[in-house]
């Protein structure tokens, strides 16, 4: 019986080549799109896992910005509106402070291989001339903008002002526990040209531009002046030049001096530390490290802080690729649904055209299940051919589709970023009158702009499995029609 069923399926397939070719083409296109989406999703998963492993090795202790945003929204919604027409006083919002003792305590964890933190300050040059840069001009404009907005906006709505925002001088002081961990040193955009890292108090590393403009060299001294509200409180500090660095990143502030923590503390009233990072022994230790710290230091969450990987760095690195994965998932479902609908329609038409044939087969003793099986085998024959052909072209389609989707997502994000910069006043502006601190720099990660999409044995297996499942689903409606076939009615000519 089964031998005859397979024989009839084969003969029916080759007897109507036009129908078979149409089915092969439809299934071929469906299989290529299906294989492409499966391969893209696999590649996206591998890429995001790589990014997580790479970034999870560095854990940041920083303000919980999501919690702060919720708090700001609550205050804004509950703030009374001004009825007198005058601007409301800005609501005070204190940035969470990170204590040095907390950092040193966390650094004792068995999972930590290294750590860094900084104390950032601002001072005025006393014995040298600063290097004029576009960054200097932008900072001066930003300071003027903040001062003009400090009393609220023109519409009388309450603005938000962060406590602890420092006054800006013409020289930026970055006190850091280890110069090797300074922003830019790790990624190679900042290198030590001459000298060595500071090893004692009141030692500094200056930029090559600053050294050239002022004819400074190693072992020379420079004097900076602490910013004070009263002239009588002004303090001058003499620093010995122990190193000269060269920065290659765009818009770098060449008036940045690197010193030790104690030297920077002489120039600021801020007690806390910033830019805190812990380098783990292994990226796989992240969850155990976070669990240990949550149990040992509950004050981290209580004080509005959090320990985690750099979310901004992760989104910068894999944001567009994750969007490609989501789009691929949507496309896969569209392809499946469309394939089921189209094939179902074609099989229904095929069954309707072959009702007399089915009536004859039933009258000769064939069962309805055998006829259903015959129709499915016919689909399986053309489907197998289409799937095999798709394995030859699927990699090319997947690669082209993956690259096109990724570049489209990257272009979209760049456009969104440009619009956001225009809305909030350009680079470095944070909106709302907030002054960014000197250590708030972009994460030193590069966006992944290529995706290696390729299909292997596992993807081919999924393709064939999902493909045959689609053919089975497409047989549901035709099977109902076949089960209702009455050979007596058909052969008597009453239908």
Protein backbone atom coordinates (compact mmCIF):
# COMPACT_ATOMS: atom_id res chain seq x y z
CA UNK A 1 0.00 0.00 0.00
CA UNK A 2 2.72 2.42 1.00
CA UNK A 3 4.75 1.48 -2.06
CA UNK A 4 1.82 2.40 -4.30
CA UNK A 5 1.25 5.63 -2.32
CA UNK A 6 4.84 6.79 -2.87
CA UNK A 7 4.67 5.79 -6.53
CA UNK A 8 1.45 7.76 -7.04
CA UNK A 9 2.98 10.76 -5.24
CA UNK A 10 5.99 10.72 -7.53
CA UNK A 11 3.92 10.33 -10.68
CA UNK A 12 1.56 13.12 -9.61
CA UNK A 13 4.56 15.39 -8.96
CA UNK A 14 6.14 14.91 -12.38
CA UNK A 15 2.82 14.80 -14.24
CA UNK A 16 2.14 18.46 -13.51
CA UNK A 17 5.57 20.09 -13.69
CA UNK A 18 4.26 23.66 -13.73
CA UNK A 19 2.52 23.21 -10.37
CA UNK A 20 5.58 21.47 -8.94
CA UNK A 21 7.94 24.20 -10.16
CA UNK A 22 5.76 26.92 -8.62
CA UNK A 23 5.76 25.08 -5.29
CA UNK A 24 9.53 24.59 -5.44
CA UNK A 25 10.07 28.31 -6.11
CA UNK A 26 7.76 29.36 -3.27
CA UNK A 27 9.38 26.96 -0.83
CA UNK A 28 12.86 27.90 -2.09
CA UNK A 29 12.28 31.59 -1.35
CA UNK A 30 10.70 30.74 2.01
CA UNK A 31 13.60 28.43 2.88
CA UNK A 32 16.21 31.08 2.02
CA UNK A 33 14.50 33.68 4.19
CA UNK A 34 14.01 31.15 6.96
CA UNK A 35 17.64 30.02 6.86
CA UNK A 36 18.80 33.65 6.81
CA UNK A 37 16.77 34.58 9.89
CA UNK A 38 17.90 31.46 11.76
CA UNK A 39 21.56 32.18 10.93
CA UNK A 40 21.20 35.86 11.85
CA UNK A 41 19.64 35.02 15.22
CA UNK A 42 22.46 32.57 15.96
CA UNK A 43 25.10 35.14 15.02
CA UNK A 44 23.39 37.83 17.11
CA UNK A 45 23.33 35.48 20.11
CA UNK A 46 27.05 34.73 19.71
CA UNK A 47 27.90 38.42 19.36
CA UNK A 48 25.90 39.49 22.42
CA UNK A 49 27.44 36.67 24.46
CA UNK A 50 30.87 37.89 23.38
CA UNK A 51 30.01 41.46 24.40
CA UNK A 52 28.68 40.33 27.78
CA UNK A 53 31.79 38.27 28.45
CA UNK A 54 34.04 41.13 27.43
CA UNK A 55 32.23 43.80 29.45
CA UNK A 56 31.33 41.65 32.45
CA UNK A 57 34.98 41.53 33.45
CA UNK A 58 34.71 45.20 34.46
CA UNK A 59 32.12 46.17 37.07
CA UNK A 60 31.23 49.81 37.74
CA UNK A 61 30.12 51.34 41.02
CA UNK A 62 27.99 54.29 40.01
CA UNK A 63 24.74 56.15 40.59
CA UNK A 64 21.61 54.18 39.77
CA UNK A 65 20.41 56.49 37.02
CA UNK A 66 17.12 54.66 36.45
CA UNK A 67 16.19 55.13 40.12
CA UNK A 68 17.23 58.79 39.94
CA UNK A 69 15.12 59.39 36.84
CA UNK A 70 12.07 57.93 38.58
CA UNK A 71 12.70 60.14 41.60
CA UNK A 72 13.03 63.22 39.38
CA UNK A 73 9.78 62.35 37.59
CA UNK A 74 8.00 61.95 40.93
CA UNK A 75 9.28 65.29 42.17
CA UNK A 76 8.35 67.01 38.93
CA UNK A 77 4.81 65.60 38.99
CA UNK A 78 4.34 66.51 42.66
CA UNK A 79 5.96 69.95 42.45
CA UNK A 80 3.47 72.83 42.88
CA UNK A 81 3.10 75.05 39.82
CA UNK A 82 3.82 78.77 40.05
CA UNK A 83 0.71 80.98 40.02
CA UNK A 84 2.45 84.33 40.41
CA UNK A 85 4.13 84.23 37.01
CA UNK A 86 7.61 84.11 38.57
CA UNK A 87 9.98 81.20 38.07
CA UNK A 88 9.83 78.54 40.75
CA UNK A 89 12.99 77.80 42.70
CA UNK A 90 14.87 74.80 41.37
CA UNK A 91 14.39 71.57 43.28
CA UNK A 92 17.60 70.37 44.88
CA UNK A 93 18.76 66.90 43.94
CA UNK A 94 21.85 65.43 45.57
CA UNK A 95 23.99 63.09 43.52
CA UNK A 96 24.75 59.87 45.46
CA UNK A 97 28.25 59.98 46.92
CA UNK A 98 30.67 57.06 46.72
CA UNK A 99 32.94 56.87 49.74
CA UNK A 100 36.57 55.89 49.37
CA UNK A 101 36.23 53.42 52.26
CA UNK A 102 33.43 51.59 50.41
CA UNK A 103 35.61 51.28 47.30
CA UNK A 104 38.55 49.94 49.27
CA UNK A 105 36.29 47.48 51.09
CA UNK A 106 34.85 46.11 47.85
CA UNK A 107 38.35 45.87 46.37
CA UNK A 108 39.24 43.27 49.02
CA UNK A 109 36.88 40.74 47.41
CA UNK A 110 38.47 37.51 46.24
CA UNK A 111 36.95 38.10 42.79
CA UNK A 112 38.68 41.47 42.24
CA UNK A 113 41.97 41.52 40.36
CA UNK A 114 42.34 45.30 40.19
CA UNK A 115 40.40 48.50 40.76
CA UNK A 116 40.50 52.20 40.05
CA UNK A 117 38.79 55.37 41.22
CA UNK A 118 39.40 59.07 40.83
CA UNK A 119 38.95 62.41 42.54
CA UNK A 120 38.29 65.13 40.01
CA UNK A 121 38.84 68.81 40.56
CA UNK A 122 39.21 72.07 38.69
CA UNK A 123 41.79 74.78 39.19
CA UNK A 124 43.25 77.85 37.51
CA UNK A 125 46.70 78.03 35.97
CA UNK A 126 48.97 80.33 38.00
CA UNK A 127 52.43 79.93 36.51
CA UNK A 128 51.66 78.78 32.97
CA UNK A 129 49.36 79.52 30.06
CA UNK A 130 46.60 77.07 29.22
CA UNK A 131 46.19 75.58 25.77
CA UNK A 132 43.26 77.12 23.91
CA UNK A 133 40.97 74.41 22.48
CA UNK A 134 37.40 74.09 21.24
CA UNK A 135 36.71 72.10 24.41
CA UNK A 136 37.66 75.12 26.54
CA UNK A 137 35.26 77.35 24.64
CA UNK A 138 32.41 74.83 24.92
CA UNK A 139 32.95 74.48 28.67
CA UNK A 140 32.85 78.24 29.14
CA UNK A 141 29.61 78.45 27.15
CA UNK A 142 28.17 75.57 29.16
CA UNK A 143 29.08 77.26 32.44
CA UNK A 144 27.37 80.47 31.31
CA UNK A 145 24.30 78.48 30.29
CA UNK A 146 24.14 76.74 33.67
CA UNK A 147 24.46 80.03 35.53
CA UNK A 148 21.62 81.55 33.47
CA UNK A 149 19.37 78.53 34.12
CA UNK A 150 20.15 78.10 37.80
CA UNK A 151 17.03 79.98 38.91
CA UNK A 152 14.58 77.96 36.81
CA UNK A 153 13.28 78.20 33.30
CA UNK A 154 11.35 81.00 31.68
CA UNK A 155 8.00 79.21 31.83
CA UNK A 156 7.90 79.11 35.60
CA UNK A 157 8.29 75.34 35.82
CA UNK A 158 10.61 73.97 38.50
CA UNK A 159 14.00 72.97 37.17
CA UNK A 160 16.30 70.46 38.82
CA UNK A 161 19.74 71.39 40.05
CA UNK A 162 22.23 68.82 41.27
CA UNK A 163 24.11 69.56 44.47
CA UNK A 164 27.84 69.15 44.23
CA UNK A 165 28.29 70.66 40.76
CA UNK A 166 31.75 72.18 40.81
CA UNK A 167 32.87 75.55 39.55
CA UNK A 168 35.04 75.24 36.48
CA UNK A 169 38.54 76.60 36.22
CA UNK A 170 40.78 76.60 33.18
CA UNK A 171 42.66 73.46 34.27
CA UNK A 172 41.22 70.02 34.95
CA UNK A 173 42.78 67.90 37.66
CA UNK A 174 42.26 64.14 37.57
CA UNK A 175 43.49 62.43 40.70
CA UNK A 176 43.60 58.69 40.14
CA UNK A 177 44.92 55.79 42.19
CA UNK A 178 46.77 54.30 39.20
CA UNK A 179 47.62 56.16 36.00
CA UNK A 180 47.50 52.87 34.06
CA UNK A 181 43.72 52.85 34.58
CA UNK A 182 43.15 56.43 33.40
CA UNK A 183 40.54 56.90 30.67
CA UNK A 184 42.37 56.65 27.37
CA UNK A 185 45.40 54.78 28.67
CA UNK A 186 43.63 51.43 28.54
CA UNK A 187 42.47 51.83 24.93
CA UNK A 188 45.70 53.40 23.72
CA UNK A 189 44.34 56.88 22.95
CA UNK A 190 46.52 58.34 25.72
CA UNK A 191 50.17 57.34 26.01
CA UNK A 192 53.08 58.40 28.20
CA UNK A 193 55.69 60.02 25.93
CA UNK A 194 58.31 60.77 28.55
CA UNK A 195 58.89 60.29 32.24
CA UNK A 196 56.93 58.01 34.55
CA UNK A 197 53.68 57.84 36.46
CA UNK A 198 53.38 59.84 39.68
CA UNK A 199 54.50 58.05 42.84
CA UNK A 200 54.15 60.77 45.48
CA UNK A 201 52.00 63.75 46.41
CA UNK A 202 52.20 66.96 44.35
CA UNK A 203 53.53 65.22 41.26
CA UNK A 204 51.78 65.62 37.90
CA UNK A 205 51.66 64.29 34.36
CA UNK A 206 50.90 67.00 31.80
CA UNK A 207 50.02 66.96 28.09
CA UNK A 208 52.66 67.35 25.41
CA UNK A 209 50.76 70.38 24.04
CA UNK A 210 50.88 72.12 27.41
CA UNK A 211 54.56 71.32 27.78
CA UNK A 212 55.46 72.63 24.29
CA UNK A 213 53.42 75.84 24.60
CA UNK A 214 55.02 76.69 27.95
CA UNK A 215 58.49 75.23 27.27
CA UNK A 216 58.14 72.82 30.17
CA UNK A 217 60.11 69.63 30.69
CA UNK A 218 60.47 66.83 33.19
CA UNK A 219 61.35 67.91 36.77
CA UNK A 220 60.08 71.46 36.09
CA UNK A 221 57.42 72.80 38.44
CA UNK A 222 54.09 74.46 37.73
CA UNK A 223 51.70 76.26 40.06
CA UNK A 224 47.92 75.98 40.07
CA UNK A 225 45.42 77.91 42.14
CA UNK A 226 42.49 76.35 43.96
CA UNK A 227 39.11 77.84 43.08
CA UNK A 228 37.69 79.60 46.16
CA UNK A 229 34.65 81.75 46.80
CA UNK A 230 36.70 84.27 48.77
CA UNK A 231 40.01 85.66 47.52
CA UNK A 232 41.48 85.16 50.99
CA UNK A 233 40.79 81.44 50.70
CA UNK A 234 42.79 81.06 47.47
CA UNK A 235 45.50 78.43 47.76
CA UNK A 236 48.37 77.83 45.37
CA UNK A 237 49.85 74.36 44.92
CA UNK A 238 53.15 73.65 43.25
CA UNK A 239 53.37 70.46 41.21
CA UNK A 240 56.47 68.70 39.93
CA UNK A 241 56.25 67.41 36.35
CA UNK A 242 57.16 63.71 36.35
CA UNK A 243 55.57 62.69 33.05
CA UNK A 244 54.35 64.01 29.69
CA UNK A 245 51.52 62.32 27.84
CA UNK A 246 50.13 62.48 24.31
CA UNK A 247 46.37 62.17 23.67
CA UNK A 248 45.00 61.24 20.26
CA UNK A 249 41.25 61.26 20.94
CA UNK A 250 39.20 64.00 19.31
CA UNK A 251 38.33 67.11 21.35
CA UNK A 252 40.59 66.08 24.23
CA UNK A 253 41.20 68.77 26.84
CA UNK A 254 44.99 69.24 26.80
CA UNK A 255 44.75 71.25 30.02
CA UNK A 256 44.15 68.05 31.97
CA UNK A 257 46.71 67.20 34.66
CA UNK A 258 46.94 63.72 36.18
CA UNK A 259 47.94 63.49 39.83
CA UNK A 260 47.55 61.18 42.79
CA UNK A 261 44.39 61.12 44.90
CA UNK A 262 45.77 63.19 47.80
CA UNK A 263 46.89 66.02 45.53
CA UNK A 264 43.48 66.25 43.87
CA UNK A 265 41.76 66.33 47.28
CA UNK A 266 43.57 69.57 48.09
CA UNK A 267 41.66 71.23 45.26
CA UNK A 268 38.09 70.14 45.93
CA UNK A 269 35.59 70.10 48.76
CA UNK A 270 33.94 66.94 47.48
CA UNK A 271 34.47 64.02 49.85
CA UNK A 272 33.46 61.18 47.54
CA UNK A 273 35.23 59.49 44.66
CA UNK A 274 34.21 58.92 41.05
CA UNK A 275 34.79 56.71 38.03
CA UNK A 276 34.97 53.57 40.15
CA UNK A 277 35.74 50.33 38.32
CA UNK A 278 36.58 46.84 39.56
CA UNK A 279 38.39 44.39 37.30
CA UNK A 280 37.36 40.81 38.02
CA UNK A 281 39.58 37.75 37.88
CA UNK A 282 37.15 36.32 35.31
CA UNK A 283 34.03 37.59 33.58
CA UNK A 284 32.26 34.44 34.80
CA UNK A 285 32.69 35.69 38.39
CA UNK A 286 30.34 38.62 37.83
CA UNK A 287 27.17 37.13 39.32
CA UNK A 288 28.97 35.68 42.35
CA UNK A 289 30.72 39.02 42.92
CA UNK A 290 27.47 40.99 42.72
CA UNK A 291 25.73 38.56 45.09
CA UNK A 292 28.59 38.83 47.59
CA UNK A 293 28.57 42.62 47.50
CA UNK A 294 24.77 42.84 47.81
CA UNK A 295 24.94 40.77 51.00
CA UNK A 296 28.01 42.50 52.43
CA UNK A 297 27.16 46.11 51.50
CA UNK A 298 23.37 46.65 51.46
CA UNK A 299 24.07 50.39 51.73
CA UNK A 300 25.02 50.37 48.05
CA UNK A 301 21.38 50.09 47.00
CA UNK A 302 20.15 52.11 49.98
CA UNK A 303 22.31 55.07 48.93
CA UNK A 304 21.11 55.11 45.32
CA UNK A 305 24.16 53.32 43.91
CA UNK A 306 24.56 50.15 41.91
CA UNK A 307 27.25 47.67 40.93
CA UNK A 308 26.97 46.43 37.37
CA UNK A 309 28.58 46.41 33.96
CA UNK A 310 28.48 49.63 31.99
CA UNK A 311 25.01 49.56 30.40
CA UNK A 312 25.92 52.41 28.06
CA UNK A 313 28.99 50.54 26.86
CA UNK A 314 26.92 47.41 26.26
CA UNK A 315 24.29 49.30 24.28
CA UNK A 316 27.00 51.11 22.32
CA UNK A 317 28.65 47.83 21.49
CA UNK A 318 25.70 45.62 20.57
CA UNK A 319 22.61 47.85 20.46
CA UNK A 320 22.21 47.78 16.65
CA UNK A 321 22.92 44.04 16.53
CA UNK A 322 20.24 43.32 19.13
CA UNK A 323 17.77 45.27 17.00
CA UNK A 324 18.78 43.16 14.01
CA UNK A 325 18.01 40.04 16.05
CA UNK A 326 14.57 41.35 16.96
CA UNK A 327 13.86 42.20 13.33
CA UNK A 328 15.01 38.72 12.27
CA UNK A 329 12.62 37.12 14.78
CA UNK A 330 9.72 39.18 13.44
CA UNK A 331 10.65 38.32 9.87
CA UNK A 332 10.84 34.61 10.70
CA UNK A 333 7.28 34.57 12.02
CA UNK A 334 6.06 36.53 8.99
CA UNK A 335 7.74 34.01 6.68
CA UNK A 336 6.24 31.03 8.55
CA UNK A 337 2.72 32.46 8.57
CA UNK A 338 2.89 33.53 4.93
CA UNK A 339 4.29 30.16 3.86
CA UNK A 340 1.56 28.23 5.68
CA UNK A 341 -1.16 30.44 4.16
CA UNK A 342 0.16 30.27 0.59
CA UNK A 343 0.87 26.53 0.60
CA UNK A 344 -2.49 25.80 2.23
CA UNK A 345 -4.25 27.73 -0.52
CA UNK A 346 -2.35 25.89 -3.25
CA UNK A 347 -3.03 22.47 -1.72
CA UNK A 348 -6.73 23.27 -1.28
CA UNK A 349 -6.96 24.17 -4.98
CA UNK A 350 -5.02 21.03 -5.86
CA UNK A 351 -7.34 18.83 -3.79
CA UNK A 352 -10.42 20.41 -5.38
CA UNK A 353 -9.07 19.73 -8.88
CA UNK A 354 -8.36 16.09 -7.99
CA UNK A 355 -11.64 15.12 -6.33
CA UNK A 356 -12.52 12.68 -9.11
CA UNK A 357 -9.11 11.00 -8.75
CA UNK A 358 -9.68 10.69 -5.02
CA UNK A 359 -13.14 9.21 -5.59
CA UNK A 360 -11.66 6.53 -7.85
CA UNK A 361 -8.91 5.71 -5.34
CA UNK A 362 -11.41 5.43 -2.49
CA UNK A 363 -13.67 3.16 -4.57
CA UNK A 364 -10.66 0.90 -5.24
CA UNK A 365 -10.04 0.46 -1.53
CA UNK A 366 -7.63 3.27 -0.66
CA UNK A 367 -8.19 4.86 2.75
CA UNK A 368 -8.61 8.57 3.35
CA UNK A 369 -5.45 8.51 5.47
CA UNK A 370 -3.53 7.08 2.51
CA UNK A 371 -4.77 9.90 0.27
CA UNK A 372 -3.80 12.51 2.87
CA UNK A 373 -0.39 10.85 3.10
CA UNK A 374 -0.04 10.92 -0.67
CA UNK A 375 -0.69 14.67 -0.81
CA UNK A 376 1.81 15.24 1.99
CA UNK A 377 4.47 13.11 0.30
CA UNK A 378 4.01 15.19 -2.86
CA UNK A 379 4.63 18.32 -0.79
CA UNK A 380 7.59 16.68 0.92
CA UNK A 381 9.20 15.82 -2.44
CA UNK A 382 9.09 19.39 -3.75
CA UNK A 383 9.88 20.74 -0.28
CA UNK A 384 13.00 18.59 0.08
CA UNK A 385 14.23 19.77 -3.31
CA UNK A 386 13.59 23.42 -2.36
CA UNK A 387 15.30 23.04 1.03
CA UNK A 388 18.35 21.39 -0.55
CA UNK A 389 18.65 24.18 -3.08
CA UNK A 390 18.33 26.72 -0.25
CA UNK A 391 21.34 25.22 1.55
CA UNK A 392 23.44 26.23 -1.46
CA UNK A 393 22.31 29.87 -1.50
CA UNK A 394 21.25 30.43 2.11
CA UNK A 395 24.66 31.56 3.38
CA UNK A 396 24.92 34.26 0.70
CA UNK A 397 21.38 35.49 1.38
CA UNK A 398 21.97 35.42 5.15
CA UNK A 399 25.23 37.37 4.87
CA UNK A 400 23.79 40.04 2.59
CA UNK A 401 20.61 40.37 4.66
CA UNK A 402 22.52 40.53 7.95
CA UNK A 403 24.88 43.24 6.68
CA UNK A 404 22.03 45.28 5.21
CA UNK A 405 19.94 45.10 8.39
CA UNK A 406 22.91 45.98 10.60
CA UNK A 407 23.98 48.97 8.51
CA UNK A 408 20.39 50.20 8.47
CA UNK A 409 20.21 49.98 12.27
CA UNK A 410 23.57 51.75 12.67
CA UNK A 411 22.46 54.56 10.36
CA UNK A 412 19.22 54.89 12.33
CA UNK A 413 21.04 55.12 15.67
CA UNK A 414 23.48 57.70 14.31
CA UNK A 415 20.56 59.80 13.11
CA UNK A 416 18.86 59.52 16.52
CA UNK A 417 22.11 60.43 18.27
CA UNK A 418 22.55 63.50 16.08
CA UNK A 419 19.01 64.67 16.81
CA UNK A 420 19.56 64.16 20.54
CA UNK A 421 22.77 66.21 20.46
CA UNK A 422 20.96 69.02 18.69
CA UNK A 423 18.15 68.93 21.25
CA UNK A 424 20.41 68.99 24.29
CA UNK A 425 22.98 71.45 23.10
CA UNK A 426 25.68 69.39 21.42
CA UNK A 427 28.47 67.23 22.75
CA UNK A 428 29.10 67.38 26.44
CA UNK A 429 25.77 68.95 27.25
CA UNK A 430 23.55 66.98 29.55
CA UNK A 431 20.50 69.23 29.51
CA UNK A 432 18.60 70.52 32.52
CA UNK A 433 21.48 72.66 33.69
CA UNK A 434 23.69 69.80 34.85
CA UNK A 435 27.45 70.14 34.55
CA UNK A 436 29.15 66.91 33.55
CA UNK A 437 32.05 65.98 35.76
CA UNK A 438 35.52 65.61 34.23
CA UNK A 439 35.48 61.82 34.51
CA UNK A 440 32.14 61.44 32.70
CA UNK A 441 33.58 60.42 29.36
CA UNK A 442 32.20 58.10 26.70
CA UNK A 443 32.81 54.43 27.34
CA UNK A 444 35.97 53.14 25.71
CA UNK A 445 34.20 50.59 23.55
CA UNK A 446 33.64 50.53 19.83
CA UNK A 447 30.35 49.73 18.21
CA UNK A 448 30.32 46.34 16.49
CA UNK A 449 29.75 47.20 12.86
CA UNK A 450 30.09 43.77 11.31
CA UNK A 451 28.23 40.55 11.91
CA UNK A 452 29.53 37.17 10.81
CA UNK A 453 26.42 35.40 9.55
CA UNK A 454 26.86 31.81 8.41
CA UNK A 455 24.73 28.68 8.50
CA UNK A 456 26.01 25.29 9.59
CA UNK A 457 24.67 21.80 10.15
CA UNK A 458 22.51 22.84 13.10
CA UNK A 459 20.86 25.65 11.08
CA UNK A 460 20.22 23.28 8.17
CA UNK A 461 18.62 20.79 10.56
CA UNK A 462 16.36 23.52 11.95
CA UNK A 463 15.46 24.58 8.41
CA UNK A 464 14.37 21.09 7.40
CA UNK A 465 12.52 20.55 10.69
CA UNK A 466 10.64 23.85 10.52
CA UNK A 467 10.06 23.39 6.79
CA UNK A 468 8.38 19.99 7.21
CA UNK A 469 6.37 21.41 10.12
CA UNK A 470 5.11 24.19 7.83
CA UNK A 471 4.07 21.54 5.27
CA UNK A 472 2.20 19.63 7.98
CA UNK A 473 0.37 22.78 9.09
CA UNK A 474 -0.49 23.51 5.47
CA UNK A 475 -2.20 20.07 5.30
CA UNK A 476 -4.73 20.79 8.07
CA UNK A 477 -7.44 22.43 5.94
CA UNK A 478 -6.97 20.15 2.88
CA UNK A 479 -7.17 17.10 5.14
CA UNK A 480 -10.61 18.16 6.33
CA UNK A 481 -11.78 18.38 2.72
CA UNK A 482 -10.32 14.96 1.91
CA UNK A 483 -12.00 13.35 4.91
CA UNK A 484 -15.34 14.68 3.67
CA UNK A 485 -14.91 13.15 0.20
CA UNK A 486 -17.68 10.68 -0.72
CA UNK A 487 -16.63 8.37 -3.61
CA UNK A 488 -20.24 7.40 -4.37
CA UNK A 489 -21.32 10.99 -4.74
CA UNK A 490 -18.32 11.89 -6.90
CA UNK A 491 -18.54 8.88 -9.22
CA UNK A 492 -22.31 9.16 -9.63
CA UNK A 493 -21.80 12.59 -11.08
CA UNK A 494 -23.92 14.33 -8.43
CA UNK A 495 -21.09 16.69 -7.56
